[in-house]
Amino acid sequence: MDELLLTDINTHMEAMFQRFAKLLPFRIDFSYKKNSASFGHACKHSMYNEVQILIKEFEKSLPIVGYYWVIEYTKRKGLHVHFVCYLNGQFQNCHYPVSRAMGNIWKQVTNHDGYHHLCVPKDIYEVKIGKVIRHFDTDEIDDLRYVISYLAKCEQKENGIIAGKSVIPVRSNRGRPRIR
């Protein structure tokens, strides 16, 4: 694990819970189709630019309140991006339509060379995300911490750490103060 990256990912997640009482996190990966021109020829700079366009587009139309992403590379998958996204759990209880819309945006951004994979909870996984987590539920937050730590692994970062995160909106003074 890259300790600095792991600390930053966790600090970002904790700040998200300071801002939002309930979050619905999900993981989604973006890459290029193996039979596409981009698969063997895209560079980290072009992928970074495409990720920035993806973010700009989904911020216009999707209810994503936060995200963290990293770019990685393997020979088998080529360049790919791991994204953790957060929805406001007060208003959203299903991430599938949002993740599907993100995938469609990625396809458009990459001129149909792009592919996305929603990391859905499977029975073989020790811990699962993809459900609403309350800010005081430490067990669920620890499970989320475990899942998002995957973004901080040192393997597959031959190009160095290329990562990004959302700016967390300023907390409003409206509403009832938290008891827990």
N, C-alpha and C. Protein backbone atom coordinates (compact mmCIF):
# COMPACT_ATOMS: atom_id res chain seq x y z
N MET A 1 0.84 -1.20 0.00
CA MET A 1 0.00 0.00 0.00
C MET A 1 0.87 1.25 0.00
N ASP A 2 0.44 2.21 -0.74
CA ASP A 2 1.08 3.52 -0.68
C ASP A 2 0.42 4.27 0.48
N GLU A 3 1.17 4.47 1.54
CA GLU A 3 0.61 5.03 2.78
C GLU A 3 0.07 6.45 2.60
N LEU A 4 0.76 7.27 1.83
CA LEU A 4 0.27 8.64 1.62
C LEU A 4 -1.05 8.65 0.86
N LEU A 5 -1.12 7.82 -0.17
CA LEU A 5 -2.36 7.74 -0.94
C LEU A 5 -3.48 7.17 -0.09
N LEU A 6 -3.19 6.13 0.68
CA LEU A 6 -4.20 5.53 1.55
C LEU A 6 -4.72 6.55 2.57
N THR A 7 -3.82 7.31 3.16
CA THR A 7 -4.22 8.34 4.12
C THR A 7 -5.12 9.38 3.46
N ASP A 8 -4.76 9.78 2.25
CA ASP A 8 -5.55 10.79 1.54
C ASP A 8 -6.94 10.25 1.19
N ILE A 9 -7.00 9.01 0.75
CA ILE A 9 -8.30 8.39 0.41
C ILE A 9 -9.19 8.33 1.65
N ASN A 10 -8.62 7.91 2.77
CA ASN A 10 -9.39 7.81 4.01
C ASN A 10 -9.80 9.18 4.55
N THR A 11 -8.91 10.15 4.45
CA THR A 11 -9.23 11.51 4.90
C THR A 11 -10.38 12.08 4.08
N HIS A 12 -10.35 11.83 2.78
CA HIS A 12 -11.42 12.29 1.90
C HIS A 12 -12.74 11.63 2.29
N MET A 13 -12.71 10.31 2.50
CA MET A 13 -13.93 9.58 2.88
C MET A 13 -14.48 10.10 4.22
N GLU A 14 -13.61 10.32 5.19
CA GLU A 14 -14.05 10.82 6.49
C GLU A 14 -14.67 12.22 6.36
N ALA A 15 -14.07 13.05 5.52
CA ALA A 15 -14.62 14.39 5.29
C ALA A 15 -15.99 14.31 4.62
N MET A 16 -16.17 13.32 3.76
CA MET A 16 -17.49 13.12 3.13
C MET A 16 -18.53 12.82 4.21
N PHE A 17 -18.17 12.00 5.19
CA PHE A 17 -19.11 11.68 6.27
C PHE A 17 -19.31 12.85 7.22
N GLN A 18 -18.34 13.76 7.30
CA GLN A 18 -18.55 14.98 8.08
C GLN A 18 -19.58 15.88 7.40
N ARG A 19 -19.61 15.82 6.09
CA ARG A 19 -20.52 16.67 5.32
C ARG A 19 -21.90 16.04 5.14
N PHE A 20 -21.95 14.72 4.94
CA PHE A 20 -23.21 14.03 4.66
C PHE A 20 -23.47 12.98 5.73
N ALA A 21 -24.68 12.95 6.26
CA ALA A 21 -25.04 12.00 7.31
C ALA A 21 -25.12 10.57 6.78
N LYS A 22 -25.53 10.43 5.53
CA LYS A 22 -25.63 9.11 4.90
C LYS A 22 -25.00 9.18 3.52
N LEU A 23 -24.20 8.17 3.21
CA LEU A 23 -23.60 8.09 1.88
C LEU A 23 -23.88 6.73 1.26
N LEU A 24 -24.02 6.73 -0.04
CA LEU A 24 -24.15 5.49 -0.80
C LEU A 24 -22.92 5.40 -1.71
N PRO A 25 -21.88 4.66 -1.26
CA PRO A 25 -20.67 4.54 -2.07
C PRO A 25 -20.78 3.38 -3.06
N PHE A 26 -20.11 3.52 -4.19
CA PHE A 26 -20.00 2.41 -5.13
C PHE A 26 -18.70 2.54 -5.90
N ARG A 27 -18.22 1.40 -6.40
CA ARG A 27 -16.99 1.37 -7.20
C ARG A 27 -17.32 1.08 -8.64
N ILE A 28 -16.65 1.77 -9.53
CA ILE A 28 -16.81 1.54 -10.96
C ILE A 28 -15.44 1.72 -11.61
N ASP A 29 -15.14 0.85 -12.57
CA ASP A 29 -13.86 0.91 -13.28
C ASP A 29 -14.10 1.31 -14.73
N PHE A 30 -13.18 2.07 -15.27
CA PHE A 30 -13.24 2.50 -16.67
C PHE A 30 -11.97 2.07 -17.38
N SER A 31 -12.12 1.59 -18.60
CA SER A 31 -10.97 1.18 -19.39
C SER A 31 -11.33 1.32 -20.86
N TYR A 32 -10.47 0.76 -21.70
CA TYR A 32 -10.72 0.75 -23.14
C TYR A 32 -10.99 -0.68 -23.59
N LYS A 33 -11.87 -0.84 -24.56
CA LYS A 33 -12.13 -2.16 -25.13
C LYS A 33 -10.83 -2.66 -25.77
N LYS A 34 -10.59 -3.97 -25.61
CA LYS A 34 -9.33 -4.54 -26.13
C LYS A 34 -9.20 -4.41 -27.64
N ASN A 35 -10.31 -4.43 -28.34
CA ASN A 35 -10.24 -4.36 -29.81
C ASN A 35 -10.29 -2.92 -30.32
N SER A 36 -10.14 -1.96 -29.44
CA SER A 36 -10.23 -0.55 -29.84
C SER A 36 -8.84 0.03 -30.13
N ALA A 37 -8.83 1.12 -30.87
CA ALA A 37 -7.57 1.81 -31.16
C ALA A 37 -6.95 2.37 -29.88
N SER A 38 -7.77 2.78 -28.95
CA SER A 38 -7.27 3.39 -27.71
C SER A 38 -6.57 2.39 -26.80
N PHE A 39 -6.96 1.11 -26.87
CA PHE A 39 -6.42 0.13 -25.92
C PHE A 39 -4.90 0.09 -25.93
N GLY A 40 -4.31 -0.03 -27.07
CA GLY A 40 -2.85 -0.14 -27.12
C GLY A 40 -2.13 1.17 -27.31
N HIS A 41 -2.87 2.23 -27.63
CA HIS A 41 -2.21 3.47 -28.00
C HIS A 41 -2.47 4.65 -27.07
N ALA A 42 -3.40 4.52 -26.17
CA ALA A 42 -3.69 5.63 -25.26
C ALA A 42 -2.52 5.80 -24.28
N CYS A 43 -2.25 7.02 -23.92
CA CYS A 43 -1.21 7.29 -22.93
C CYS A 43 -1.88 7.83 -21.67
N LYS A 44 -1.09 7.90 -20.60
CA LYS A 44 -1.65 8.36 -19.32
C LYS A 44 -2.22 9.77 -19.43
N HIS A 45 -1.63 10.60 -20.29
CA HIS A 45 -2.11 11.98 -20.45
C HIS A 45 -3.48 12.02 -21.11
N SER A 46 -3.65 11.21 -22.16
CA SER A 46 -4.96 11.21 -22.84
C SER A 46 -6.03 10.61 -21.93
N MET A 47 -5.67 9.56 -21.17
CA MET A 47 -6.66 8.99 -20.26
C MET A 47 -7.01 10.00 -19.17
N TYR A 48 -6.02 10.68 -18.64
CA TYR A 48 -6.27 11.71 -17.62
C TYR A 48 -7.24 12.75 -18.17
N ASN A 49 -7.00 13.21 -19.39
CA ASN A 49 -7.89 14.21 -19.99
C ASN A 49 -9.30 13.67 -20.17
N GLU A 50 -9.42 12.41 -20.57
CA GLU A 50 -10.74 11.81 -20.73
C GLU A 50 -11.46 11.67 -19.39
N VAL A 51 -10.71 11.37 -18.33
CA VAL A 51 -11.31 11.30 -16.99
C VAL A 51 -11.82 12.68 -16.59
N GLN A 52 -11.06 13.72 -16.89
CA GLN A 52 -11.50 15.08 -16.56
C GLN A 52 -12.78 15.45 -17.31
N ILE A 53 -12.88 15.04 -18.56
CA ILE A 53 -14.10 15.29 -19.33
C ILE A 53 -15.26 14.50 -18.74
N LEU A 54 -15.01 13.23 -18.39
CA LEU A 54 -16.04 12.40 -17.75
C LEU A 54 -16.58 13.10 -16.50
N ILE A 55 -15.69 13.58 -15.66
CA ILE A 55 -16.09 14.25 -14.42
C ILE A 55 -16.91 15.50 -14.72
N LYS A 56 -16.43 16.31 -15.65
CA LYS A 56 -17.15 17.53 -16.01
C LYS A 56 -18.56 17.21 -16.49
N GLU A 57 -18.69 16.14 -17.28
CA GLU A 57 -20.00 15.76 -17.82
C GLU A 57 -20.91 15.20 -16.73
N PHE A 58 -20.40 14.31 -15.87
CA PHE A 58 -21.31 13.74 -14.87
C PHE A 58 -21.67 14.74 -13.79
N GLU A 59 -20.81 15.72 -13.54
CA GLU A 59 -21.16 16.75 -12.56
C GLU A 59 -22.33 17.61 -13.03
N LYS A 60 -22.55 17.69 -14.34
CA LYS A 60 -23.67 18.46 -14.89
C LYS A 60 -25.01 17.78 -14.63
N SER A 61 -25.03 16.46 -14.64
CA SER A 61 -26.33 15.78 -14.70
C SER A 61 -26.57 14.69 -13.66
N LEU A 62 -25.55 14.25 -12.96
CA LEU A 62 -25.74 13.12 -12.04
C LEU A 62 -25.60 13.56 -10.58
N PRO A 63 -26.29 12.88 -9.67
CA PRO A 63 -26.30 13.29 -8.26
C PRO A 63 -25.09 12.79 -7.45
N ILE A 64 -23.93 12.78 -8.07
CA ILE A 64 -22.71 12.33 -7.38
C ILE A 64 -22.21 13.49 -6.51
N VAL A 65 -22.05 13.23 -5.20
CA VAL A 65 -21.62 14.29 -4.28
C VAL A 65 -20.13 14.23 -3.99
N GLY A 66 -19.47 13.13 -4.37
CA GLY A 66 -18.04 13.01 -4.15
C GLY A 66 -17.47 11.82 -4.89
N TYR A 67 -16.14 11.84 -5.08
CA TYR A 67 -15.48 10.73 -5.77
C TYR A 67 -13.99 10.78 -5.50
N TYR A 68 -13.35 9.64 -5.73
CA TYR A 68 -11.89 9.51 -5.68
C TYR A 68 -11.53 8.53 -6.78
N TRP A 69 -10.45 8.79 -7.51
CA TRP A 69 -10.08 7.90 -8.60
C TRP A 69 -8.56 7.78 -8.72
N VAL A 70 -8.12 6.66 -9.31
CA VAL A 70 -6.70 6.44 -9.62
C VAL A 70 -6.60 5.77 -10.99
N ILE A 71 -5.54 6.09 -11.71
CA ILE A 71 -5.24 5.44 -12.99
C ILE A 71 -4.17 4.38 -12.74
N GLU A 72 -4.37 3.21 -13.34
CA GLU A 72 -3.41 2.11 -13.24
C GLU A 72 -3.17 1.51 -14.62
N TYR A 73 -2.18 0.61 -14.68
CA TYR A 73 -1.87 -0.04 -15.95
C TYR A 73 -1.48 -1.50 -15.72
N THR A 74 -2.02 -2.38 -16.55
CA THR A 74 -1.54 -3.76 -16.66
C THR A 74 -1.53 -4.12 -18.14
N LYS A 75 -0.73 -5.11 -18.50
CA LYS A 75 -0.70 -5.53 -19.90
C LYS A 75 -2.05 -6.08 -20.33
N ARG A 76 -2.69 -6.82 -19.44
CA ARG A 76 -3.96 -7.46 -19.78
C ARG A 76 -5.09 -6.44 -19.92
N LYS A 77 -5.17 -5.48 -19.00
CA LYS A 77 -6.26 -4.49 -19.02
C LYS A 77 -5.87 -3.18 -19.67
N GLY A 78 -4.59 -2.96 -19.88
CA GLY A 78 -4.14 -1.67 -20.39
C GLY A 78 -4.32 -0.60 -19.32
N LEU A 79 -4.40 0.64 -19.76
CA LEU A 79 -4.69 1.73 -18.82
C LEU A 79 -6.13 1.60 -18.35
N HIS A 80 -6.35 1.79 -17.08
CA HIS A 80 -7.71 1.73 -16.54
C HIS A 80 -7.81 2.63 -15.31
N VAL A 81 -9.04 2.97 -14.97
CA VAL A 81 -9.30 3.88 -13.85
C VAL A 81 -10.21 3.20 -12.85
N HIS A 82 -9.83 3.26 -11.58
CA HIS A 82 -10.70 2.80 -10.49
C HIS A 82 -11.34 4.05 -9.88
N PHE A 83 -12.65 4.05 -9.81
CA PHE A 83 -13.41 5.18 -9.26
C PHE A 83 -14.19 4.70 -8.05
N VAL A 84 -14.18 5.47 -6.97
CA VAL A 84 -15.14 5.30 -5.88
C VAL A 84 -16.00 6.56 -5.91
N CYS A 85 -17.30 6.37 -6.01
CA CYS A 85 -18.22 7.50 -6.05
C CYS A 85 -19.14 7.46 -4.85
N TYR A 86 -19.59 8.62 -4.44
CA TYR A 86 -20.51 8.74 -3.31
C TYR A 86 -21.77 9.47 -3.75
N LEU A 87 -22.90 8.89 -3.39
CA LEU A 87 -24.19 9.55 -3.56
C LEU A 87 -24.70 9.94 -2.19
N ASN A 88 -25.53 10.97 -2.12
CA ASN A 88 -26.13 11.38 -0.85
C ASN A 88 -27.19 10.34 -0.47
N GLY A 89 -26.92 9.60 0.59
CA GLY A 89 -27.81 8.53 1.03
C GLY A 89 -29.15 9.02 1.56
N GLN A 90 -29.28 10.32 1.80
CA GLN A 90 -30.58 10.86 2.21
C GLN A 90 -31.57 10.80 1.05
N PHE A 91 -31.06 10.89 -0.17
CA PHE A 91 -31.93 10.99 -1.35
C PHE A 91 -31.78 9.84 -2.32
N GLN A 92 -30.70 9.09 -2.23
CA GLN A 92 -30.44 7.99 -3.16
C GLN A 92 -30.29 6.69 -2.39
N ASN A 93 -30.95 5.64 -2.86
CA ASN A 93 -30.75 4.33 -2.22
C ASN A 93 -30.35 3.26 -3.24
N CYS A 94 -30.13 3.67 -4.49
CA CYS A 94 -29.72 2.74 -5.53
C CYS A 94 -28.73 3.45 -6.45
N HIS A 95 -27.56 2.87 -6.61
CA HIS A 95 -26.53 3.51 -7.43
C HIS A 95 -26.52 3.03 -8.88
N TYR A 96 -27.27 1.99 -9.18
CA TYR A 96 -27.19 1.39 -10.51
C TYR A 96 -27.50 2.38 -11.65
N PRO A 97 -28.60 3.15 -11.58
CA PRO A 97 -28.87 4.08 -12.69
C PRO A 97 -27.75 5.12 -12.88
N VAL A 98 -27.15 5.55 -11.78
CA VAL A 98 -26.08 6.54 -11.86
C VAL A 98 -24.83 5.92 -12.49
N SER A 99 -24.49 4.71 -12.06
CA SER A 99 -23.30 4.05 -12.61
C SER A 99 -23.50 3.73 -14.09
N ARG A 100 -24.69 3.35 -14.46
CA ARG A 100 -24.98 3.08 -15.87
C ARG A 100 -24.84 4.36 -16.71
N ALA A 101 -25.35 5.46 -16.17
CA ALA A 101 -25.22 6.75 -16.86
C ALA A 101 -23.75 7.15 -16.98
N MET A 102 -22.96 6.90 -15.94
CA MET A 102 -21.53 7.19 -16.01
C MET A 102 -20.87 6.39 -17.12
N GLY A 103 -21.26 5.11 -17.22
CA GLY A 103 -20.72 4.26 -18.28
C GLY A 103 -21.06 4.79 -19.66
N ASN A 104 -22.28 5.29 -19.83
CA ASN A 104 -22.68 5.86 -21.12
C ASN A 104 -21.88 7.12 -21.44
N ILE A 105 -21.63 7.94 -20.42
CA ILE A 105 -20.82 9.14 -20.63
C ILE A 105 -19.40 8.75 -21.04
N TRP A 106 -18.85 7.73 -20.36
CA TRP A 106 -17.49 7.27 -20.69
C TRP A 106 -17.41 6.81 -22.15
N LYS A 107 -18.45 6.09 -22.59
CA LYS A 107 -18.49 5.65 -23.99
C LYS A 107 -18.43 6.84 -24.94
N GLN A 108 -19.22 7.87 -24.63
CA GLN A 108 -19.24 9.06 -25.48
C GLN A 108 -17.89 9.78 -25.47
N VAL A 109 -17.32 9.92 -24.27
CA VAL A 109 -16.04 10.62 -24.13
C VAL A 109 -14.94 9.92 -24.92
N THR A 110 -14.97 8.60 -24.95
CA THR A 110 -13.92 7.81 -25.62
C THR A 110 -14.28 7.43 -27.05
N ASN A 111 -15.32 8.04 -27.60
CA ASN A 111 -15.77 7.71 -28.96
C ASN A 111 -16.05 6.21 -29.12
N HIS A 112 -16.70 5.65 -28.13
CA HIS A 112 -17.11 4.24 -28.09
C HIS A 112 -15.94 3.27 -27.94
N ASP A 113 -14.74 3.76 -27.63
CA ASP A 113 -13.62 2.88 -27.30
C ASP A 113 -13.66 2.46 -25.84
N GLY A 114 -14.46 3.16 -25.04
CA GLY A 114 -14.47 2.95 -23.60
C GLY A 114 -15.37 1.82 -23.16
N TYR A 115 -14.99 1.25 -22.04
CA TYR A 115 -15.71 0.15 -21.41
C TYR A 115 -15.77 0.47 -19.93
N HIS A 116 -16.87 0.13 -19.28
CA HIS A 116 -16.95 0.32 -17.83
C HIS A 116 -17.39 -0.98 -17.16
N HIS A 117 -16.99 -1.10 -15.92
CA HIS A 117 -17.35 -2.28 -15.13
C HIS A 117 -17.81 -1.81 -13.76
N LEU A 118 -19.05 -2.09 -13.43
CA LEU A 118 -19.56 -1.78 -12.11
C LEU A 118 -19.15 -2.90 -11.16
N CYS A 119 -18.45 -2.55 -10.11
CA CYS A 119 -17.98 -3.55 -9.15
C CYS A 119 -19.11 -3.85 -8.17
N VAL A 120 -19.98 -4.76 -8.57
CA VAL A 120 -21.14 -5.09 -7.74
C VAL A 120 -20.73 -6.06 -6.64
N PRO A 121 -21.42 -5.99 -5.49
CA PRO A 121 -21.11 -6.91 -4.40
C PRO A 121 -21.36 -8.36 -4.82
N LYS A 122 -20.40 -9.22 -4.53
CA LYS A 122 -20.53 -10.64 -4.83
C LYS A 122 -20.37 -11.43 -3.54
N ASP A 123 -20.92 -12.62 -3.52
CA ASP A 123 -20.84 -13.44 -2.32
C ASP A 123 -19.40 -13.79 -1.94
N ILE A 124 -18.50 -13.80 -2.90
CA ILE A 124 -17.11 -14.17 -2.59
C ILE A 124 -16.35 -13.04 -1.89
N TYR A 125 -16.88 -11.81 -1.94
CA TYR A 125 -16.19 -10.69 -1.30
C TYR A 125 -16.38 -10.76 0.21
N GLU A 126 -15.29 -10.47 0.93
CA GLU A 126 -15.36 -10.42 2.40
C GLU A 126 -16.30 -9.32 2.86
N VAL A 127 -16.13 -8.16 2.27
CA VAL A 127 -16.97 -7.01 2.62
C VAL A 127 -17.56 -6.43 1.35
N LYS A 128 -18.70 -5.77 1.51
CA LYS A 128 -19.41 -5.24 0.35
C LYS A 128 -19.80 -3.79 0.61
N ILE A 129 -19.77 -3.02 -0.47
CA ILE A 129 -20.33 -1.67 -0.39
C ILE A 129 -21.48 -1.63 -1.39
N GLY A 130 -22.02 -0.47 -1.64
CA GLY A 130 -23.15 -0.38 -2.55
C GLY A 130 -24.46 -0.27 -1.81
N LYS A 131 -24.37 0.06 -0.53
CA LYS A 131 -25.58 0.27 0.28
C LYS A 131 -25.38 1.56 1.07
N VAL A 132 -26.46 2.12 1.55
CA VAL A 132 -26.39 3.37 2.30
C VAL A 132 -25.69 3.12 3.63
N ILE A 133 -24.72 4.00 3.94
CA ILE A 133 -23.96 3.91 5.19
C ILE A 133 -24.20 5.19 5.98
N ARG A 134 -24.56 5.04 7.25
CA ARG A 134 -24.78 6.21 8.13
C ARG A 134 -23.44 6.64 8.75
N HIS A 135 -23.32 7.90 9.02
CA HIS A 135 -22.06 8.47 9.51
C HIS A 135 -21.59 7.88 10.83
N PHE A 136 -22.48 7.28 11.60
CA PHE A 136 -22.09 6.74 12.91
C PHE A 136 -21.89 5.23 12.88
N ASP A 137 -22.10 4.58 11.77
CA ASP A 137 -21.99 3.12 11.68
C ASP A 137 -20.54 2.72 11.42
N THR A 138 -19.77 2.60 12.49
CA THR A 138 -18.33 2.38 12.36
C THR A 138 -17.99 1.06 11.66
N ASP A 139 -18.78 0.02 11.86
CA ASP A 139 -18.50 -1.25 11.19
C ASP A 139 -18.62 -1.11 9.67
N GLU A 140 -19.68 -0.46 9.23
CA GLU A 140 -19.89 -0.25 7.78
C GLU A 140 -18.81 0.68 7.21
N ILE A 141 -18.43 1.68 7.98
CA ILE A 141 -17.38 2.60 7.53
C ILE A 141 -16.05 1.87 7.43
N ASP A 142 -15.77 0.98 8.38
CA ASP A 142 -14.54 0.18 8.30
C ASP A 142 -14.56 -0.75 7.09
N ASP A 143 -15.73 -1.30 6.75
CA ASP A 143 -15.84 -2.11 5.54
C ASP A 143 -15.54 -1.26 4.30
N LEU A 144 -16.08 -0.05 4.28
CA LEU A 144 -15.82 0.86 3.17
C LEU A 144 -14.33 1.19 3.10
N ARG A 145 -13.73 1.42 4.24
CA ARG A 145 -12.29 1.71 4.32
C ARG A 145 -11.48 0.57 3.68
N TYR A 146 -11.90 -0.66 3.97
CA TYR A 146 -11.22 -1.84 3.42
C TYR A 146 -11.35 -1.86 1.89
N VAL A 147 -12.55 -1.61 1.39
CA VAL A 147 -12.79 -1.66 -0.06
C VAL A 147 -12.02 -0.55 -0.78
N ILE A 148 -12.06 0.66 -0.25
CA ILE A 148 -11.40 1.75 -0.96
C ILE A 148 -9.88 1.71 -0.83
N SER A 149 -9.38 0.92 0.11
CA SER A 149 -7.92 0.78 0.23
C SER A 149 -7.33 0.16 -1.03
N TYR A 150 -8.15 -0.53 -1.81
CA TYR A 150 -7.70 -1.12 -3.07
C TYR A 150 -7.11 -0.06 -4.00
N LEU A 151 -7.61 1.15 -3.92
CA LEU A 151 -7.11 2.22 -4.77
C LEU A 151 -5.67 2.60 -4.43
N ALA A 152 -5.23 2.28 -3.22
CA ALA A 152 -3.90 2.68 -2.76
C ALA A 152 -2.84 1.61 -2.95
N LYS A 153 -3.19 0.50 -3.59
CA LYS A 153 -2.19 -0.55 -3.79
C LYS A 153 -1.05 -0.02 -4.66
N CYS A 154 0.15 -0.49 -4.42
CA CYS A 154 1.32 -0.01 -5.17
C CYS A 154 1.42 -0.65 -6.55
N GLU A 155 0.93 -1.88 -6.69
CA GLU A 155 1.01 -2.57 -7.96
C GLU A 155 0.22 -1.80 -9.02
N GLN A 156 0.61 -1.94 -10.26
CA GLN A 156 -0.07 -1.39 -11.42
C GLN A 156 0.03 0.13 -11.53
N LYS A 157 0.93 0.72 -10.77
CA LYS A 157 1.12 2.17 -10.85
C LYS A 157 2.51 2.48 -11.41
N GLU A 158 2.84 1.82 -12.52
CA GLU A 158 4.15 2.01 -13.15
C GLU A 158 4.38 3.45 -13.60
N ASN A 159 3.32 4.16 -13.90
CA ASN A 159 3.41 5.55 -14.35
C ASN A 159 3.41 6.53 -13.18
N GLY A 160 3.58 6.03 -11.96
CA GLY A 160 3.47 6.87 -10.78
C GLY A 160 2.02 6.98 -10.35
N ILE A 161 1.78 7.72 -9.31
CA ILE A 161 0.41 7.87 -8.81
C ILE A 161 -0.27 8.99 -9.59
N ILE A 162 -1.32 8.60 -10.30
CA ILE A 162 -2.15 9.56 -11.02
C ILE A 162 -3.54 9.41 -10.42
N ALA A 163 -3.95 10.39 -9.65
CA ALA A 163 -5.20 10.27 -8.90
C ALA A 163 -5.89 11.62 -8.83
N GLY A 164 -7.15 11.58 -8.46
CA GLY A 164 -7.91 12.80 -8.29
C GLY A 164 -9.06 12.58 -7.34
N LYS A 165 -9.60 13.67 -6.84
CA LYS A 165 -10.72 13.58 -5.90
C LYS A 165 -11.59 14.81 -6.04
N SER A 166 -12.79 14.67 -5.54
CA SER A 166 -13.72 15.79 -5.56
C SER A 166 -13.41 16.76 -4.43
N VAL A 167 -13.85 17.99 -4.64
CA VAL A 167 -13.83 18.97 -3.57
C VAL A 167 -15.10 18.73 -2.76
N ILE A 168 -14.97 18.70 -1.46
CA ILE A 168 -16.13 18.42 -0.62
C ILE A 168 -16.87 19.73 -0.37
N PRO A 169 -18.17 19.74 -0.65
CA PRO A 169 -18.94 20.97 -0.46
C PRO A 169 -18.93 21.42 1.00
N VAL A 170 -18.98 22.72 1.20
CA VAL A 170 -19.02 23.28 2.55
C VAL A 170 -20.32 22.85 3.21
N ARG A 171 -20.21 22.50 4.48
CA ARG A 171 -21.37 22.05 5.23
C ARG A 171 -22.29 23.23 5.54
N SER A 172 -23.56 23.00 5.35
CA SER A 172 -24.57 24.02 5.63
C SER A 172 -24.91 23.99 7.12
N ASN A 173 -25.36 25.10 7.65
CA ASN A 173 -25.80 25.14 9.05
C ASN A 173 -27.26 24.77 9.20
N ARG A 174 -27.90 24.43 8.09
CA ARG A 174 -29.32 24.06 8.13
C ARG A 174 -29.47 22.67 8.72
N GLY A 175 -30.65 22.39 9.20
CA GLY A 175 -30.96 21.05 9.70
C GLY A 175 -30.64 20.88 11.17
N ARG A 176 -31.00 19.73 11.65
CA ARG A 176 -30.79 19.39 13.05
C ARG A 176 -29.32 19.04 13.29
N PRO A 177 -28.74 19.48 14.40
CA PRO A 177 -27.36 19.08 14.69
C PRO A 177 -27.27 17.58 14.99
N ARG A 178 -26.14 17.00 14.69
CA ARG A 178 -25.95 15.56 14.93
C ARG A 178 -25.83 15.29 16.42
N ILE A 179 -26.46 14.20 16.83
CA ILE A 179 -26.36 13.78 18.23
C ILE A 179 -25.21 12.81 18.39
N ARG A 180 -25.03 11.93 17.41
CA ARG A 180 -23.95 10.93 17.49
C ARG A 180 -22.73 11.41 16.76
